[in-house]
Amino acid sequence: MIKLYKTPTNAQLMSIANFINEELKDTKKDNISIQFELDLETFRKIDEEYFFKNNKEAKTTDFIPGDEVQLNMSGIKFNFIKIQ
């Protein structure tokens, strides 16, 4: 069985960050964050994907699932959390 995940790509996240920065260019943007609440499988996929993107030398056994993933793009913080 193949499962397809509709998770945001880096390009999509950057587009969101750029849009917010452009729309709020005259507004102070400190501490803007966007939160994605994901089911366990989708969250684990994102958690694992970003772990290996940031740890190129890591082995599969090095990955320990977390509870939250945070990315910062163009000053906008993206939080990914898992929901039960």
Protein backbone atom coordinates (compact mmCIF):
# COMPACT_ATOMS: atom_id res chain seq x y z
CA MET A 1 0.00 0.00 0.00
CA ILE A 2 1.31 3.44 -0.91
CA LYS A 3 0.48 6.41 1.28
CA LEU A 4 0.66 9.92 -0.09
CA TYR A 5 1.36 12.75 2.31
CA LYS A 6 0.40 16.29 1.59
CA THR A 7 3.08 18.02 3.59
CA PRO A 8 4.30 21.50 2.75
CA THR A 9 7.53 21.68 0.77
CA ASN A 10 10.35 24.10 1.54
CA ALA A 11 9.29 26.15 -1.48
CA GLN A 12 5.72 26.36 -0.21
CA LEU A 13 6.86 27.38 3.27
CA MET A 14 9.14 30.02 1.78
CA SER A 15 6.23 31.32 -0.33
CA ILE A 16 4.12 31.66 2.81
CA ALA A 17 6.94 33.45 4.65
CA ASN A 18 7.55 35.79 1.70
CA PHE A 19 3.83 36.54 1.40
CA ILE A 20 3.58 37.41 5.10
CA ASN A 21 6.70 39.55 4.95
CA GLU A 22 5.40 41.41 1.89
CA GLU A 23 1.88 41.92 3.26
CA LEU A 24 3.17 43.08 6.63
CA LYS A 25 6.18 45.03 5.37
CA ASP A 26 5.13 48.13 7.31
CA THR A 27 4.33 46.18 10.47
CA LYS A 28 6.64 44.84 13.15
CA LYS A 29 6.87 41.11 12.54
CA ASP A 30 8.65 39.88 15.64
CA ASN A 31 7.43 36.54 16.92
CA ILE A 32 5.16 35.62 14.04
CA SER A 33 4.62 31.89 13.97
CA ILE A 34 2.45 29.50 12.01
CA GLN A 35 1.48 26.19 13.53
CA PHE A 36 0.62 22.98 11.70
CA GLU A 37 -1.16 20.28 13.70
CA LEU A 38 -0.46 16.93 12.07
CA ASP A 39 -1.52 13.35 12.60
CA LEU A 40 1.20 11.06 13.98
CA GLU A 41 2.26 9.54 10.65
CA THR A 42 2.51 12.85 8.81
CA PHE A 43 4.34 14.48 11.71
CA ARG A 44 6.87 11.65 11.88
CA LYS A 45 7.51 12.01 8.13
CA ILE A 46 8.29 15.73 8.51
CA ASP A 47 10.30 15.17 11.68
CA GLU A 48 12.41 12.52 9.97
CA GLU A 49 12.78 14.50 6.74
CA TYR A 50 14.13 17.61 8.48
CA PHE A 51 16.32 15.56 10.82
CA PHE A 52 18.15 13.99 7.89
CA LYS A 53 18.27 17.28 5.92
CA ASN A 54 20.08 18.88 8.85
CA ASN A 55 22.20 15.83 9.79
CA LYS A 56 23.55 14.61 6.46
CA GLU A 57 25.94 12.11 8.07
CA ALA A 58 23.29 10.57 10.36
CA LYS A 59 22.34 6.93 10.14
CA THR A 60 18.78 5.68 10.23
CA THR A 61 19.33 4.46 13.78
CA ASP A 62 20.32 8.01 14.89
CA PHE A 63 16.79 9.33 14.38
CA ILE A 64 14.74 9.74 17.56
CA PRO A 65 11.22 11.07 16.98
CA GLY A 66 10.42 14.37 18.68
CA ASP A 67 7.24 16.13 19.75
CA GLU A 68 7.72 19.32 17.78
CA VAL A 69 9.62 20.53 14.72
CA GLN A 70 10.46 24.22 14.33
CA LEU A 71 11.70 25.90 11.17
CA ASN A 72 12.59 29.54 10.69
CA MET A 73 12.26 30.94 7.19
CA SER A 74 12.66 34.62 6.43
CA GLY A 75 11.94 35.48 10.06
CA ILE A 76 8.70 33.47 10.23
CA LYS A 77 8.64 30.50 12.59
CA PHE A 78 6.84 27.37 11.42
CA ASN A 79 5.87 24.91 14.16
CA PHE A 80 4.83 21.37 13.37
CA ILE A 81 3.23 19.49 16.24
CA LYS A 82 1.67 16.08 16.43
CA ILE A 83 -1.86 15.55 17.59
CA GLN A 84 -3.21 12.35 19.05
